[in-house]
Protein backbone atom coordinates (compact mmCIF):
# COMPACT_ATOMS: atom_id res chain seq x y z
CA MET A 1 1.69 12.75 -93.23
CA LEU A 2 3.86 9.79 -92.53
CA ALA A 3 3.57 6.99 -90.04
CA TYR A 4 4.69 7.82 -86.51
CA ALA A 5 8.18 6.69 -85.48
CA THR A 6 8.00 7.81 -81.84
CA LEU A 7 5.36 8.69 -79.25
CA SER A 8 6.51 12.31 -79.31
CA GLU A 9 5.32 12.54 -82.93
CA LEU A 10 1.75 11.56 -82.04
CA PRO A 11 -0.91 14.27 -82.09
CA LYS A 12 -0.82 16.43 -78.95
CA ARG A 13 -4.34 15.31 -78.02
CA VAL A 14 -3.22 11.68 -77.96
CA GLN A 15 -0.08 12.48 -75.95
CA ASP A 16 -2.02 14.54 -73.40
CA THR A 17 -4.89 12.06 -73.04
CA LEU A 18 -3.52 8.53 -73.15
CA PRO A 19 -1.08 6.68 -70.86
CA ASP A 20 2.19 5.61 -72.50
CA HIS A 21 1.11 2.02 -73.16
CA ALA A 22 -2.10 3.21 -74.82
CA GLN A 23 -0.02 5.61 -76.92
CA GLU A 24 2.08 2.65 -78.08
CA ILE A 25 -1.09 0.81 -79.10
CA TYR A 26 -2.31 3.92 -80.92
CA LYS A 27 0.99 4.36 -82.76
CA GLU A 28 1.23 0.73 -83.85
CA ALA A 29 -2.41 0.60 -84.98
CA PHE A 30 -2.08 3.90 -86.85
CA ASN A 31 1.09 2.79 -88.63
CA SER A 32 -0.36 -0.59 -89.56
CA THR A 33 -3.51 0.98 -90.98
CA TRP A 34 -1.48 3.68 -92.74
CA ASP A 35 0.46 0.97 -94.56
CA GLN A 36 -2.59 -1.19 -95.24
CA TYR A 37 -4.62 1.59 -96.89
CA GLU A 38 -1.97 3.12 -99.11
CA ASP A 39 -4.08 2.27 -102.16
CA PRO A 40 -7.16 4.57 -102.29
CA GLU A 41 -9.23 1.71 -103.72
CA ALA A 42 -8.70 -0.25 -100.50
CA ARG A 43 -10.47 2.46 -98.47
CA TYR A 44 -14.21 2.55 -97.96
CA ASP A 45 -16.38 5.54 -98.84
CA ASP A 46 -13.38 7.46 -100.25
CA ILE A 47 -12.27 8.33 -96.72
CA ASP A 48 -8.91 10.02 -96.38
CA ARG A 49 -6.05 7.64 -95.53
CA GLU A 50 -5.07 9.60 -92.43
CA GLU A 51 -8.65 9.68 -91.14
CA VAL A 52 -8.97 5.91 -91.54
CA ALA A 53 -5.69 5.37 -89.68
CA HIS A 54 -6.76 7.62 -86.78
CA ARG A 55 -10.13 5.86 -86.52
CA GLU A 56 -8.49 2.44 -86.40
CA ALA A 57 -5.93 3.63 -83.87
CA TRP A 58 -8.63 4.85 -81.48
CA SER A 59 -10.53 1.61 -81.99
CA ALA A 60 -7.44 -0.39 -81.00
CA VAL A 61 -6.96 1.70 -77.87
CA LYS A 62 -10.60 1.20 -76.87
CA LYS A 63 -10.16 -2.58 -77.00
CA ASN A 64 -7.62 -2.33 -74.18
CA TYR A 65 -8.57 0.87 -72.33
CA TYR A 66 -11.72 2.62 -71.18
CA LYS A 67 -12.31 6.20 -70.17
CA GLY A 68 -13.23 6.27 -66.49
CA GLY A 69 -15.54 8.59 -64.64
CA ASP A 70 -12.46 10.53 -63.60
CA GLY A 71 -11.85 11.43 -67.26
CA ARG A 72 -8.68 9.34 -67.43
CA TRP A 73 -8.02 6.25 -69.54
CA HIS A 74 -7.67 2.98 -67.63
CA GLN A 75 -6.57 -0.45 -68.81
CA TYR A 76 -9.15 -3.25 -68.63
């Protein structure tokens, strides 16, 4: 697994669920976390590097977007 260079490389679930701007947030947060946690000792609870990066990416999206009652993601 490498960091994502383009939105088309994001997981299908992310592409199908999030608007483009939210995908950009996801990608940037994932890539930043991926770089930050290269060293296994920097990770908590021995969590896999990719898992940590995906968790942080979703967290970043949720700071700017919420899932509405219509099942779609909306910007605050």
